N, C-alpha and C. Protein backbone atom coordinates (compact mmCIF):
# COMPACT_ATOMS: atom_id res chain seq x y z
N MET A 1 14.16 14.90 3.40
CA MET A 1 13.74 13.56 3.03
C MET A 1 12.85 12.94 4.10
N CYS A 2 13.17 13.14 5.39
CA CYS A 2 12.39 12.55 6.47
C CYS A 2 11.26 13.50 6.84
N ARG A 3 10.12 12.93 7.19
CA ARG A 3 8.97 13.75 7.53
C ARG A 3 8.54 13.47 8.97
N VAL A 4 8.12 14.52 9.67
CA VAL A 4 7.68 14.39 11.04
C VAL A 4 6.20 14.75 11.09
N ASN A 5 5.39 13.85 11.63
CA ASN A 5 3.96 14.06 11.73
C ASN A 5 3.65 14.54 13.15
N ARG A 6 3.17 15.77 13.30
CA ARG A 6 2.90 16.29 14.63
C ARG A 6 1.69 17.19 14.61
N ARG A 7 1.05 17.35 15.80
CA ARG A 7 -0.11 18.22 15.92
C ARG A 7 0.13 19.21 17.05
N GLY A 8 -0.92 19.57 17.79
CA GLY A 8 -0.83 20.58 18.82
C GLY A 8 -0.09 20.12 20.06
N GLU A 9 -0.21 20.91 21.13
CA GLU A 9 0.57 20.65 22.33
C GLU A 9 0.02 19.49 23.16
N LYS A 10 -1.29 19.24 23.12
CA LYS A 10 -1.87 18.23 24.00
C LYS A 10 -2.55 17.09 23.26
N ILE A 11 -2.87 17.29 22.00
CA ILE A 11 -3.57 16.25 21.22
C ILE A 11 -2.80 15.99 19.94
N PHE A 12 -2.38 14.75 19.76
CA PHE A 12 -1.75 14.36 18.50
C PHE A 12 -2.84 14.25 17.42
N ASN A 13 -3.84 13.44 17.71
CA ASN A 13 -4.98 13.27 16.80
C ASN A 13 -6.04 12.49 17.55
N ALA A 14 -7.19 13.08 17.74
CA ALA A 14 -8.25 12.47 18.54
C ALA A 14 -9.26 11.70 17.70
N GLY A 15 -8.97 11.51 16.42
CA GLY A 15 -9.88 10.73 15.57
C GLY A 15 -10.98 11.59 14.96
N GLY A 16 -12.01 10.93 14.44
CA GLY A 16 -13.10 11.62 13.74
C GLY A 16 -13.93 12.50 14.67
N ASP A 17 -14.51 13.55 14.10
CA ASP A 17 -15.36 14.49 14.84
C ASP A 17 -16.78 13.91 14.92
N LEU A 18 -17.14 13.37 16.09
CA LEU A 18 -18.44 12.70 16.23
C LEU A 18 -19.60 13.70 16.27
N LYS A 19 -19.33 14.94 16.66
CA LYS A 19 -20.38 15.96 16.60
C LYS A 19 -20.74 16.24 15.15
N GLU A 20 -19.72 16.35 14.30
CA GLU A 20 -19.96 16.57 12.88
C GLU A 20 -20.68 15.38 12.25
N ARG A 21 -20.34 14.20 12.69
CA ARG A 21 -20.89 12.98 12.09
C ARG A 21 -22.28 12.62 12.63
N ASN A 22 -22.74 13.32 13.66
CA ASN A 22 -23.97 12.93 14.35
C ASN A 22 -25.18 12.85 13.43
N ASN A 23 -25.29 13.75 12.49
CA ASN A 23 -26.48 13.80 11.62
C ASN A 23 -26.19 13.40 10.18
N MET A 24 -25.06 12.76 9.96
CA MET A 24 -24.71 12.34 8.61
C MET A 24 -25.57 11.16 8.16
N THR A 25 -25.89 11.14 6.88
CA THR A 25 -26.50 9.96 6.30
C THR A 25 -25.42 8.89 6.12
N ASP A 26 -25.84 7.67 5.84
CA ASP A 26 -24.87 6.60 5.57
C ASP A 26 -23.96 6.99 4.42
N ALA A 27 -24.54 7.57 3.38
CA ALA A 27 -23.76 7.94 2.19
C ALA A 27 -22.75 9.04 2.53
N GLN A 28 -23.17 10.03 3.31
CA GLN A 28 -22.26 11.11 3.70
C GLN A 28 -21.12 10.58 4.56
N TRP A 29 -21.45 9.67 5.47
CA TRP A 29 -20.43 9.06 6.34
C TRP A 29 -19.37 8.34 5.50
N GLN A 30 -19.84 7.53 4.57
CA GLN A 30 -18.91 6.74 3.75
C GLN A 30 -18.12 7.63 2.79
N GLN A 31 -18.76 8.70 2.31
CA GLN A 31 -18.05 9.63 1.42
C GLN A 31 -16.93 10.32 2.17
N GLN A 32 -17.18 10.74 3.40
CA GLN A 32 -16.13 11.36 4.20
C GLN A 32 -15.03 10.37 4.51
N HIS A 33 -15.42 9.15 4.86
CA HIS A 33 -14.44 8.15 5.23
C HIS A 33 -13.54 7.79 4.05
N ALA A 34 -14.07 7.88 2.84
CA ALA A 34 -13.26 7.59 1.65
C ALA A 34 -12.06 8.52 1.56
N LEU A 35 -12.21 9.76 2.03
CA LEU A 35 -11.09 10.69 2.04
C LEU A 35 -10.01 10.22 3.01
N PHE A 36 -10.45 9.73 4.17
CA PHE A 36 -9.50 9.20 5.15
C PHE A 36 -8.77 7.98 4.59
N GLU A 37 -9.49 7.17 3.85
CA GLU A 37 -8.89 5.97 3.26
C GLU A 37 -7.78 6.34 2.28
N LYS A 38 -8.02 7.37 1.47
CA LYS A 38 -7.01 7.83 0.52
C LYS A 38 -5.78 8.36 1.25
N CYS A 39 -6.01 9.09 2.33
CA CYS A 39 -4.89 9.62 3.12
C CYS A 39 -4.07 8.49 3.71
N ARG A 40 -4.75 7.45 4.19
CA ARG A 40 -4.05 6.33 4.82
C ARG A 40 -3.18 5.60 3.80
N ILE A 41 -3.71 5.38 2.61
CA ILE A 41 -2.93 4.71 1.56
C ILE A 41 -1.75 5.56 1.14
N ALA A 42 -1.96 6.88 1.05
CA ALA A 42 -0.87 7.79 0.69
C ALA A 42 0.25 7.73 1.73
N LEU A 43 -0.13 7.68 3.00
CA LEU A 43 0.87 7.57 4.07
C LEU A 43 1.61 6.25 3.97
N LEU A 44 0.87 5.19 3.72
CA LEU A 44 1.48 3.87 3.61
C LEU A 44 2.45 3.81 2.44
N ASP A 45 2.12 4.46 1.34
CA ASP A 45 2.93 4.40 0.12
C ASP A 45 4.06 5.43 0.08
N CYS A 46 4.12 6.29 1.08
CA CYS A 46 5.15 7.34 1.07
C CYS A 46 6.54 6.70 1.02
N PRO A 47 7.38 7.05 0.05
CA PRO A 47 8.68 6.38 -0.10
C PRO A 47 9.71 6.79 0.94
N VAL A 48 9.53 7.95 1.57
CA VAL A 48 10.51 8.41 2.55
C VAL A 48 10.05 8.03 3.96
N PRO A 49 10.97 7.92 4.91
CA PRO A 49 10.58 7.56 6.27
C PRO A 49 9.64 8.59 6.89
N VAL A 50 8.63 8.11 7.60
CA VAL A 50 7.67 8.96 8.29
C VAL A 50 7.71 8.61 9.78
N ILE A 51 8.03 9.59 10.60
CA ILE A 51 8.12 9.39 12.05
C ILE A 51 6.95 10.11 12.71
N ALA A 52 6.21 9.42 13.55
CA ALA A 52 5.14 10.05 14.32
C ALA A 52 5.72 10.56 15.63
N ALA A 53 5.53 11.85 15.91
CA ALA A 53 5.93 12.45 17.18
C ALA A 53 4.66 12.65 17.99
N VAL A 54 4.37 11.70 18.85
CA VAL A 54 3.06 11.66 19.53
C VAL A 54 3.15 12.46 20.83
N ASN A 55 2.66 13.70 20.78
CA ASN A 55 2.83 14.60 21.91
C ASN A 55 1.59 14.70 22.79
N GLY A 56 0.57 13.90 22.52
CA GLY A 56 -0.64 13.95 23.32
C GLY A 56 -1.55 12.78 22.99
N ALA A 57 -2.83 12.98 23.12
CA ALA A 57 -3.80 11.91 22.88
C ALA A 57 -3.77 11.45 21.43
N ALA A 58 -3.68 10.14 21.25
CA ALA A 58 -3.76 9.52 19.91
C ALA A 58 -4.85 8.47 19.99
N TYR A 59 -6.08 8.91 19.74
CA TYR A 59 -7.24 8.04 19.86
C TYR A 59 -7.83 7.77 18.48
N GLY A 60 -8.47 6.63 18.33
CA GLY A 60 -9.13 6.30 17.07
C GLY A 60 -8.18 6.41 15.90
N GLY A 61 -8.56 7.25 14.93
CA GLY A 61 -7.73 7.44 13.76
C GLY A 61 -6.35 7.96 14.08
N GLY A 62 -6.20 8.61 15.23
CA GLY A 62 -4.89 9.09 15.64
C GLY A 62 -3.93 7.94 15.91
N LEU A 63 -4.41 6.92 16.64
CA LEU A 63 -3.58 5.75 16.89
C LEU A 63 -3.33 4.99 15.59
N GLU A 64 -4.34 4.94 14.72
CA GLU A 64 -4.15 4.27 13.43
C GLU A 64 -3.07 4.98 12.61
N THR A 65 -3.00 6.30 12.71
CA THR A 65 -1.93 7.04 12.03
C THR A 65 -0.57 6.66 12.59
N VAL A 66 -0.49 6.56 13.92
CA VAL A 66 0.77 6.22 14.58
C VAL A 66 1.32 4.89 14.06
N VAL A 67 0.45 3.87 14.00
CA VAL A 67 0.94 2.54 13.59
C VAL A 67 1.06 2.39 12.08
N THR A 68 0.59 3.39 11.33
CA THR A 68 0.82 3.38 9.89
C THR A 68 2.16 4.03 9.55
N CYS A 69 2.64 4.93 10.43
CA CYS A 69 3.95 5.54 10.23
C CYS A 69 5.04 4.47 10.36
N ASP A 70 6.23 4.80 9.89
CA ASP A 70 7.33 3.83 9.93
C ASP A 70 7.74 3.51 11.36
N PHE A 71 7.79 4.52 12.20
CA PHE A 71 7.94 4.29 13.63
C PHE A 71 7.54 5.55 14.37
N ALA A 72 7.55 5.49 15.70
CA ALA A 72 6.99 6.59 16.49
C ALA A 72 7.74 6.78 17.79
N TYR A 73 7.86 8.05 18.19
CA TYR A 73 8.32 8.43 19.52
C TYR A 73 7.13 9.09 20.21
N ALA A 74 7.03 8.93 21.53
CA ALA A 74 5.90 9.50 22.26
C ALA A 74 6.37 10.30 23.46
N ALA A 75 5.66 11.39 23.74
CA ALA A 75 5.86 12.11 24.99
C ALA A 75 5.26 11.30 26.13
N ARG A 76 5.77 11.52 27.34
CA ARG A 76 5.26 10.76 28.48
C ARG A 76 3.79 11.01 28.73
N ARG A 77 3.29 12.20 28.35
CA ARG A 77 1.88 12.52 28.57
C ARG A 77 0.96 11.87 27.54
N ALA A 78 1.52 11.28 26.50
CA ALA A 78 0.69 10.71 25.44
C ALA A 78 -0.19 9.58 25.96
N ARG A 79 -1.38 9.48 25.40
CA ARG A 79 -2.30 8.39 25.71
C ARG A 79 -2.86 7.84 24.40
N PHE A 80 -3.18 6.57 24.40
CA PHE A 80 -3.56 5.89 23.17
C PHE A 80 -4.83 5.08 23.39
N ALA A 81 -5.64 4.95 22.33
CA ALA A 81 -6.81 4.06 22.39
C ALA A 81 -7.42 3.93 21.00
N LEU A 82 -8.03 2.78 20.78
CA LEU A 82 -8.92 2.59 19.63
C LEU A 82 -10.31 2.34 20.20
N THR A 83 -11.14 3.38 20.17
CA THR A 83 -12.42 3.36 20.88
C THR A 83 -13.63 3.13 19.96
N GLU A 84 -13.38 2.83 18.71
CA GLU A 84 -14.49 2.72 17.75
C GLU A 84 -15.55 1.71 18.18
N ILE A 85 -15.10 0.62 18.79
CA ILE A 85 -16.01 -0.45 19.19
C ILE A 85 -17.07 0.05 20.17
N LYS A 86 -16.77 1.13 20.89
CA LYS A 86 -17.68 1.68 21.89
C LYS A 86 -18.83 2.47 21.27
N ILE A 87 -18.69 2.83 19.99
CA ILE A 87 -19.77 3.60 19.35
C ILE A 87 -20.39 2.84 18.17
N GLY A 88 -20.17 1.53 18.14
CA GLY A 88 -20.88 0.71 17.16
C GLY A 88 -20.19 0.54 15.83
N ILE A 89 -18.93 0.96 15.72
CA ILE A 89 -18.18 0.72 14.49
C ILE A 89 -16.89 -0.03 14.84
N MET A 90 -15.94 0.00 13.97
CA MET A 90 -14.65 -0.66 14.21
C MET A 90 -13.56 0.17 13.56
N PRO A 91 -12.30 -0.07 13.88
CA PRO A 91 -11.24 0.68 13.21
C PRO A 91 -11.35 0.54 11.69
N GLY A 92 -11.25 1.66 10.98
CA GLY A 92 -11.36 1.66 9.53
C GLY A 92 -10.23 2.41 8.85
N GLY A 93 -9.16 2.67 9.62
CA GLY A 93 -8.01 3.38 9.08
C GLY A 93 -6.77 2.51 9.13
N MET A 94 -6.95 1.25 8.78
CA MET A 94 -5.90 0.23 8.77
C MET A 94 -5.52 -0.23 10.18
N GLY A 95 -6.36 0.08 11.17
CA GLY A 95 -6.06 -0.31 12.54
C GLY A 95 -6.02 -1.81 12.74
N THR A 96 -6.95 -2.54 12.10
CA THR A 96 -6.96 -4.00 12.27
C THR A 96 -5.85 -4.67 11.47
N GLN A 97 -5.17 -3.90 10.63
CA GLN A 97 -4.06 -4.44 9.84
C GLN A 97 -2.70 -4.09 10.44
N ASN A 98 -2.51 -2.81 10.77
CA ASN A 98 -1.21 -2.37 11.25
C ASN A 98 -0.98 -2.61 12.74
N LEU A 99 -2.04 -2.54 13.55
CA LEU A 99 -1.84 -2.76 14.98
C LEU A 99 -1.36 -4.18 15.28
N PRO A 100 -1.98 -5.24 14.69
CA PRO A 100 -1.46 -6.59 14.94
C PRO A 100 -0.01 -6.75 14.49
N ARG A 101 0.38 -6.06 13.44
CA ARG A 101 1.78 -6.14 12.98
C ARG A 101 2.72 -5.48 13.99
N ALA A 102 2.22 -4.49 14.71
CA ALA A 102 3.06 -3.78 15.67
C ALA A 102 3.12 -4.48 17.02
N VAL A 103 1.98 -5.00 17.49
CA VAL A 103 1.92 -5.50 18.87
C VAL A 103 1.63 -6.99 18.97
N GLY A 104 1.32 -7.64 17.85
CA GLY A 104 0.90 -9.04 17.90
C GLY A 104 -0.61 -9.15 17.93
N ILE A 105 -1.13 -10.24 17.44
CA ILE A 105 -2.57 -10.38 17.26
C ILE A 105 -3.33 -10.40 18.58
N ARG A 106 -2.78 -11.06 19.61
CA ARG A 106 -3.51 -11.17 20.87
C ARG A 106 -3.61 -9.80 21.56
N ARG A 107 -2.53 -9.05 21.59
CA ARG A 107 -2.58 -7.73 22.20
C ARG A 107 -3.48 -6.80 21.39
N ALA A 108 -3.43 -6.90 20.07
CA ALA A 108 -4.28 -6.06 19.22
C ALA A 108 -5.75 -6.34 19.49
N LYS A 109 -6.11 -7.59 19.66
CA LYS A 109 -7.50 -7.93 19.97
C LYS A 109 -7.93 -7.31 21.29
N GLU A 110 -7.05 -7.35 22.27
CA GLU A 110 -7.38 -6.74 23.56
C GLU A 110 -7.59 -5.24 23.42
N ILE A 111 -6.68 -4.57 22.71
CA ILE A 111 -6.79 -3.12 22.55
C ILE A 111 -8.06 -2.74 21.80
N ILE A 112 -8.34 -3.43 20.71
CA ILE A 112 -9.48 -3.07 19.86
C ILE A 112 -10.81 -3.48 20.47
N LEU A 113 -10.88 -4.67 21.05
CA LEU A 113 -12.16 -5.19 21.53
C LEU A 113 -12.58 -4.61 22.88
N THR A 114 -11.62 -4.09 23.66
CA THR A 114 -11.99 -3.42 24.92
C THR A 114 -12.16 -1.92 24.72
N GLY A 115 -11.40 -1.34 23.80
CA GLY A 115 -11.44 0.11 23.61
C GLY A 115 -10.80 0.88 24.74
N LYS A 116 -10.07 0.20 25.63
CA LYS A 116 -9.50 0.85 26.80
C LYS A 116 -8.25 1.66 26.44
N PRO A 117 -8.11 2.86 27.02
CA PRO A 117 -6.90 3.66 26.80
C PRO A 117 -5.68 3.02 27.46
N PHE A 118 -4.50 3.37 26.94
CA PHE A 118 -3.27 2.91 27.56
C PHE A 118 -2.22 4.01 27.49
N SER A 119 -1.21 3.86 28.33
CA SER A 119 -0.21 4.92 28.53
C SER A 119 0.93 4.84 27.52
N ALA A 120 1.78 5.86 27.56
CA ALA A 120 2.97 5.87 26.70
C ALA A 120 3.91 4.73 27.07
N ASP A 121 4.06 4.46 28.36
CA ASP A 121 4.94 3.37 28.78
C ASP A 121 4.41 2.02 28.28
N GLU A 122 3.09 1.83 28.33
CA GLU A 122 2.51 0.60 27.79
C GLU A 122 2.69 0.53 26.28
N ALA A 123 2.53 1.68 25.62
CA ALA A 123 2.73 1.71 24.18
C ALA A 123 4.14 1.29 23.81
N LEU A 124 5.11 1.71 24.60
CA LEU A 124 6.50 1.32 24.38
C LEU A 124 6.68 -0.18 24.62
N GLU A 125 6.16 -0.66 25.74
CA GLU A 125 6.30 -2.08 26.09
C GLU A 125 5.67 -2.98 25.04
N TRP A 126 4.56 -2.55 24.47
CA TRP A 126 3.80 -3.39 23.53
C TRP A 126 4.26 -3.25 22.09
N GLY A 127 5.05 -2.22 21.77
CA GLY A 127 5.55 -2.06 20.41
C GLY A 127 4.81 -1.05 19.57
N VAL A 128 3.92 -0.25 20.19
CA VAL A 128 3.21 0.79 19.43
C VAL A 128 4.17 1.94 19.11
N VAL A 129 5.04 2.26 20.05
CA VAL A 129 6.04 3.31 19.84
C VAL A 129 7.44 2.74 20.09
N ASN A 130 8.43 3.43 19.58
CA ASN A 130 9.82 2.99 19.72
C ASN A 130 10.52 3.58 20.93
N LYS A 131 10.02 4.74 21.38
CA LYS A 131 10.71 5.44 22.46
C LYS A 131 9.75 6.38 23.15
N VAL A 132 9.91 6.52 24.48
CA VAL A 132 9.16 7.51 25.26
C VAL A 132 10.13 8.59 25.69
N CYS A 133 9.74 9.84 25.44
CA CYS A 133 10.61 10.98 25.72
C CYS A 133 9.95 11.90 26.76
N ASP A 134 10.77 12.66 27.47
CA ASP A 134 10.21 13.70 28.31
C ASP A 134 9.39 14.64 27.43
N ASP A 135 8.30 15.16 27.98
CA ASP A 135 7.38 15.97 27.18
C ASP A 135 8.08 17.09 26.41
N ASP A 136 9.01 17.79 27.08
CA ASP A 136 9.67 18.94 26.45
C ASP A 136 10.85 18.55 25.57
N LYS A 137 11.15 17.25 25.50
CA LYS A 137 12.28 16.78 24.69
C LYS A 137 11.84 15.99 23.46
N LEU A 138 10.54 15.80 23.31
CA LEU A 138 10.04 14.92 22.25
C LEU A 138 10.53 15.34 20.87
N MET A 139 10.25 16.58 20.47
CA MET A 139 10.60 17.00 19.12
C MET A 139 12.11 17.03 18.92
N GLU A 140 12.84 17.38 19.95
CA GLU A 140 14.30 17.40 19.86
C GLU A 140 14.82 15.99 19.53
N GLU A 141 14.28 14.98 20.21
CA GLU A 141 14.76 13.62 19.98
C GLU A 141 14.28 13.07 18.64
N VAL A 142 13.06 13.41 18.25
CA VAL A 142 12.56 12.98 16.94
C VAL A 142 13.40 13.58 15.82
N LEU A 143 13.68 14.87 15.91
CA LEU A 143 14.45 15.53 14.86
C LEU A 143 15.89 15.03 14.82
N GLU A 144 16.44 14.69 15.98
CA GLU A 144 17.79 14.11 15.99
C GLU A 144 17.83 12.79 15.23
N THR A 145 16.80 11.95 15.45
CA THR A 145 16.72 10.69 14.72
C THR A 145 16.49 10.94 13.23
N ALA A 146 15.62 11.91 12.92
CA ALA A 146 15.36 12.23 11.52
C ALA A 146 16.62 12.69 10.81
N ARG A 147 17.43 13.50 11.48
CA ARG A 147 18.68 13.98 10.87
C ARG A 147 19.65 12.82 10.66
N THR A 148 19.69 11.89 11.61
CA THR A 148 20.55 10.72 11.45
C THR A 148 20.18 9.94 10.20
N ILE A 149 18.87 9.74 10.00
CA ILE A 149 18.40 9.03 8.81
C ILE A 149 18.75 9.83 7.55
N CYS A 150 18.54 11.13 7.61
CA CYS A 150 18.78 11.97 6.44
C CYS A 150 20.23 12.01 6.02
N ASN A 151 21.14 11.71 6.93
CA ASN A 151 22.56 11.69 6.59
C ASN A 151 22.96 10.43 5.83
N ASN A 152 22.07 9.47 5.77
CA ASN A 152 22.35 8.23 5.05
C ASN A 152 21.95 8.36 3.58
N ALA A 153 22.31 7.36 2.79
CA ALA A 153 22.07 7.42 1.35
C ALA A 153 20.58 7.33 1.04
N PRO A 154 20.00 8.33 0.37
CA PRO A 154 18.55 8.34 0.15
C PRO A 154 18.02 7.15 -0.64
N LEU A 155 18.69 6.78 -1.72
CA LEU A 155 18.20 5.66 -2.52
C LEU A 155 18.22 4.36 -1.70
N ALA A 156 19.23 4.20 -0.87
CA ALA A 156 19.32 3.02 -0.02
C ALA A 156 18.17 3.00 0.99
N ILE A 157 17.83 4.17 1.52
CA ILE A 157 16.72 4.27 2.47
C ILE A 157 15.41 3.88 1.80
N TYR A 158 15.17 4.41 0.59
CA TYR A 158 13.93 4.08 -0.12
C TYR A 158 13.81 2.58 -0.36
N GLN A 159 14.90 1.98 -0.84
CA GLN A 159 14.87 0.56 -1.17
C GLN A 159 14.72 -0.30 0.08
N ALA A 160 15.42 0.08 1.15
CA ALA A 160 15.34 -0.69 2.39
C ALA A 160 13.93 -0.62 2.98
N LYS A 161 13.33 0.57 2.96
CA LYS A 161 11.97 0.71 3.49
C LYS A 161 10.98 -0.13 2.68
N LYS A 162 11.10 -0.04 1.36
CA LYS A 162 10.21 -0.81 0.50
C LYS A 162 10.35 -2.31 0.74
N SER A 163 11.58 -2.76 0.90
CA SER A 163 11.82 -4.18 1.12
C SER A 163 11.27 -4.63 2.46
N MET A 164 11.42 -3.83 3.49
CA MET A 164 10.87 -4.19 4.80
C MET A 164 9.34 -4.23 4.77
N ASN A 165 8.72 -3.31 4.06
CA ASN A 165 7.26 -3.34 3.95
C ASN A 165 6.79 -4.62 3.26
N VAL A 166 7.50 -5.03 2.23
CA VAL A 166 7.13 -6.26 1.52
C VAL A 166 7.28 -7.48 2.43
N SER A 167 8.22 -7.43 3.36
CA SER A 167 8.49 -8.58 4.22
C SER A 167 7.28 -9.00 5.06
N THR A 168 6.36 -8.06 5.31
CA THR A 168 5.17 -8.39 6.10
C THR A 168 4.04 -8.96 5.24
N GLN A 169 4.26 -9.02 3.93
CA GLN A 169 3.18 -9.42 3.03
C GLN A 169 3.42 -10.74 2.31
N VAL A 170 4.67 -11.22 2.32
CA VAL A 170 5.01 -12.42 1.56
C VAL A 170 5.79 -13.39 2.43
N ASP A 171 6.00 -14.61 1.93
CA ASP A 171 6.79 -15.58 2.67
C ASP A 171 8.28 -15.20 2.60
N LEU A 172 9.09 -15.87 3.42
CA LEU A 172 10.49 -15.50 3.59
C LEU A 172 11.28 -15.55 2.28
N LYS A 173 11.12 -16.62 1.49
CA LYS A 173 11.91 -16.74 0.27
C LYS A 173 11.54 -15.69 -0.76
N ASN A 174 10.25 -15.42 -0.91
CA ASN A 174 9.85 -14.37 -1.85
C ASN A 174 10.26 -12.99 -1.35
N GLY A 175 10.22 -12.81 -0.02
CA GLY A 175 10.69 -11.56 0.55
C GLY A 175 12.17 -11.36 0.29
N TYR A 176 12.93 -12.44 0.41
CA TYR A 176 14.37 -12.35 0.15
C TYR A 176 14.65 -12.06 -1.32
N ALA A 177 13.86 -12.66 -2.21
CA ALA A 177 14.03 -12.37 -3.64
C ALA A 177 13.79 -10.89 -3.92
N PHE A 178 12.78 -10.32 -3.24
CA PHE A 178 12.51 -8.89 -3.41
C PHE A 178 13.67 -8.06 -2.86
N GLU A 179 14.20 -8.51 -1.71
CA GLU A 179 15.33 -7.80 -1.10
C GLU A 179 16.53 -7.76 -2.05
N ILE A 180 16.84 -8.88 -2.66
CA ILE A 180 18.00 -8.93 -3.57
C ILE A 180 17.77 -8.04 -4.79
N GLU A 181 16.54 -8.03 -5.30
CA GLU A 181 16.24 -7.15 -6.43
C GLU A 181 16.45 -5.68 -6.03
N ALA A 182 15.97 -5.33 -4.82
CA ALA A 182 16.15 -3.96 -4.33
C ALA A 182 17.63 -3.65 -4.11
N TYR A 183 18.34 -4.62 -3.57
CA TYR A 183 19.79 -4.46 -3.34
C TYR A 183 20.54 -4.23 -4.64
N ASN A 184 20.24 -5.03 -5.65
CA ASN A 184 20.97 -4.93 -6.92
C ASN A 184 20.72 -3.60 -7.63
N ARG A 185 19.59 -2.97 -7.35
CA ARG A 185 19.32 -1.66 -7.94
C ARG A 185 20.26 -0.59 -7.37
N LEU A 186 20.84 -0.86 -6.21
CA LEU A 186 21.73 0.12 -5.59
C LEU A 186 23.18 -0.03 -6.04
N VAL A 187 23.54 -1.21 -6.53
CA VAL A 187 24.94 -1.48 -6.88
C VAL A 187 25.48 -0.49 -7.91
N PRO A 188 24.76 -0.15 -8.99
CA PRO A 188 25.33 0.76 -9.99
C PRO A 188 25.16 2.25 -9.69
N THR A 189 24.65 2.59 -8.51
CA THR A 189 24.37 4.00 -8.23
C THR A 189 25.64 4.77 -7.86
N GLU A 190 25.60 6.08 -8.11
CA GLU A 190 26.71 6.95 -7.72
C GLU A 190 26.87 6.99 -6.20
N ASP A 191 25.73 6.90 -5.49
CA ASP A 191 25.79 6.93 -4.03
C ASP A 191 26.55 5.73 -3.47
N ARG A 192 26.39 4.57 -4.09
CA ARG A 192 27.13 3.39 -3.62
C ARG A 192 28.62 3.60 -3.82
N LEU A 193 29.01 4.12 -4.97
CA LEU A 193 30.42 4.40 -5.25
C LEU A 193 30.97 5.44 -4.27
N GLU A 194 30.18 6.48 -4.01
CA GLU A 194 30.60 7.53 -3.09
C GLU A 194 30.72 7.01 -1.67
N GLY A 195 29.79 6.17 -1.25
CA GLY A 195 29.82 5.63 0.10
C GLY A 195 31.07 4.81 0.37
N VAL A 196 31.41 3.94 -0.57
CA VAL A 196 32.60 3.10 -0.42
C VAL A 196 33.86 3.94 -0.50
N ARG A 197 33.86 4.91 -1.42
CA ARG A 197 35.02 5.79 -1.57
C ARG A 197 35.26 6.60 -0.29
N ALA A 198 34.17 7.15 0.26
CA ALA A 198 34.28 7.96 1.48
C ALA A 198 34.78 7.12 2.65
N PHE A 199 34.31 5.88 2.73
CA PHE A 199 34.77 5.00 3.80
C PHE A 199 36.28 4.80 3.72
N ASN A 200 36.78 4.54 2.53
CA ASN A 200 38.21 4.29 2.35
C ASN A 200 39.05 5.56 2.52
N GLU A 201 38.42 6.71 2.24
CA GLU A 201 39.14 7.98 2.39
C GLU A 201 38.92 8.58 3.77
N LYS A 202 38.18 7.86 4.62
CA LYS A 202 37.94 8.28 6.02
C LYS A 202 37.32 9.68 6.09
N ARG A 203 36.27 9.87 5.32
CA ARG A 203 35.54 11.14 5.33
C ARG A 203 34.04 10.87 5.28
N LYS A 204 33.25 11.91 5.52
CA LYS A 204 31.81 11.79 5.46
C LYS A 204 31.35 11.78 4.00
N PRO A 205 30.52 10.82 3.61
CA PRO A 205 30.08 10.78 2.21
C PRO A 205 29.14 11.92 1.85
N LYS A 206 29.14 12.29 0.58
CA LYS A 206 28.25 13.32 0.07
C LYS A 206 27.28 12.66 -0.90
N PHE A 207 26.18 12.22 -0.40
CA PHE A 207 25.21 11.50 -1.22
C PHE A 207 24.38 12.46 -2.05
N GLN A 208 24.06 12.05 -3.28
CA GLN A 208 23.31 12.89 -4.22
C GLN A 208 21.95 12.30 -4.59
N GLY A 209 21.68 11.10 -4.10
CA GLY A 209 20.42 10.46 -4.49
C GLY A 209 20.44 10.00 -5.93
N LYS A 210 21.63 9.63 -6.41
CA LYS A 210 21.79 9.19 -7.81
C LYS A 210 22.51 7.85 -7.86
């Protein structure tokens, strides 16, 4: 149910290939970018939790991927930046939308408008990542968290994630109304019955996603 987004040993995702893009026409550039846009929306709409395991450089679209995931762990060697402003463009992979939600508008403006790289420790302090791990322990800790999530009731996870995503888009009362609707959909499920039964029987529940 849980998905881990990871790349090679030293680079998580370095963003678009500027050598490839060097001779593109405007139409070719936008056509290629449209594919990235579809990928970003698909990641945003994914119903299951998505954890970014940032094991190296996350620049440009790489950092935008990190802040589009549900949350992220980073290796100590990881480095982050949104450098688009340095080459005459701007973040186009939801960076101006998701980064302010993660770090606050003032910090996001600093990151985007300077294009300066920052460290894993700064990413943790600012809210870009949830945890910094030793380089050789990153995947172990990410998978441990993923397994913890996977042991919980799947339908409850889907509904809770959806409700939290809505909370960033609407006012408090409408967000709460959505939360209650999501909550009530779980009441008649077999998983809810199993969870309460297992608690009372002092055993681990066996969730079926039903």
